[in-house]
């Protein structure tokens, strides 16, 4: 990061301070990612092994190796994952961070992030943005091959984005590219068709046919300029209007056209390459044994240099078990629970790296449920939950209370716009009474019209802190007369339940945020995520449109300040906390580490296993 001094990597590297000074390059991801993993590189703030730190600037580290130690080939890197991936290893279909972790190693995009978190070339050798921010030209590298040996070309780039814009595409990224030439009009046509379908004026088959015809007309017309293959190694994108997040949105991992050629976009999820992917990243996919492990092997002709480590094994390990396996040398890398830091703080063979997670944990609410329709009730729920206690006791201070979509550490985080609200059960009770919840039954729960205020809260297994949060929420809400029934399930099942149309009452999840303040489809009422909550706000849509249309950070800042205030007032979800990312690595085995704001393993292709430890 600018102005940061390298430090010798010995025991603990603490990355502190929010990301505001970082030079932004008109960005979007927190995929994560959306907030996609490749678009939302996580930020730099955190805590030392003994507890949270408020000192100093961020740090980066020189490679962990003695002066006479040379990189060595071979060996296996053993990493941990606390929940099993769904197995959707397709960069334009994946919807959770576990799949994204594998995708990030197997695939690559046109752009990536450097140590300053600026966008720089990955699969391209150069790129240019026109002065009016309406044309983006990428000159591709000529030394890139897919894992099956097929050359990477501009046809792969065009295929990826044209597929995303196809009406049968089953993913959630389409809206990210509405600024491309002619796309907004095409999407308006689709919305009009959907309205006719909902009104019963046309059949589903007729609606699908009209959407496909509209897409083909776009492809044959404005689509030729929107996504233009100039030659095998040059691709040009054209936009109708300046759109600040567009460059970062063009940085997503790319699909191999030759693998998916001829596959209807609606069938991408069933294609074998979605489960056994072919990418251009540093590691290629070998196998996934569900609920056990994912195995990857190095890409021998990786364009940034042949990886030293031959294999990577991602093991599905319960978070409570992982710390013991790390100490025993069975794992090389673990994301620690805050309470586990002290267990390894004195181990000279384990390095600890702390940075804030550019994301947050939240409790989603189904606004279609009459219980949550009144914003006063939503605010009462927020005030009833002791979120600071979660940070203090469950996170051991390694985190912050969340008050909106742009968390602590984000360049656009504005604490004055969204001041932290402390627990206030008196105010919560008053708000509930104003909303009509004035009576209690014999057990002390609120009742109205003969019905108890009662709902079910879903939460995923695997993440110990999140699992421990659920009963705390249950107890806090009971104190104000709300009954919460808890139901735990595997993350993949939870995601399918929430985003698959079942419309549960409430759920616990996390969300990664991109460096660009634009949230993408997260709060779009027509997106899968927006449909899960059912929250709709014309003012939110208006503000997000304004923010995306402005290019200079200082011009965008007041827009996102107003939007953050709107979220804090409306509470489409109950924002809970942002947790620092605490990474632990076996320093006696893993060499070449250069941790920075991108994390401890960002340069995985440069890492090696120490001599005698392979």
Foldseek 3Di string as FASTA:
>chain_A
DPPADADAFFFEFAFADFLQVQDEDLAAACVVDLHHLQFAQFFTRWDTLVFTDDDDHHYWYFWLDPPPDDFAFEDEAEAEDLFWAPLQLDQQADNDDNSRVVVVFQFFFQWGADQSGYTDGDQFPDWDADPQRFKIKTFGDQLFAKLVGHTQWLVQLLVFLLLLLQPLQPGFFNQLLCQFPPSVVLVVVLVVLVVCVVVVVDDPVVSNVVSRVSSVVCCVPSVCAQWPRPDGGMIMHGGPAFFSHNVNSNGTTTADCVQCPPPRNNCVSVRVCSNQPMYRGQWHWDHDDTQFWTKIAGRCSRPVHNFRYGMYIYGNDFQVCVLVCCVVVVHFKDFHFQVCSVVCSPPRQKHKYWGFFQKFKFKAFACVPVCVVDLLLVVLLLLLAALVCLCCPRRVVQWFWDLFGGGGSASLDDCVLGPDRGRDNVSSLVSVVVVPFDDADPVQATDDPRHTQEFEEEEEGRDVSRVVSVVSSQVSVVVSRHHYHYDYDRPVVVCCCQLVPVQGGMYMDMTRGGSQNQSRCCCPCPGSNNVSRNDDDPLLVVLSVLLRNDHDPVSNSVSVSVNSNVCSSRVSINTRITGMGMMMGRNQFKIRFTAHSSGGCPPVSHIHTDPPRD
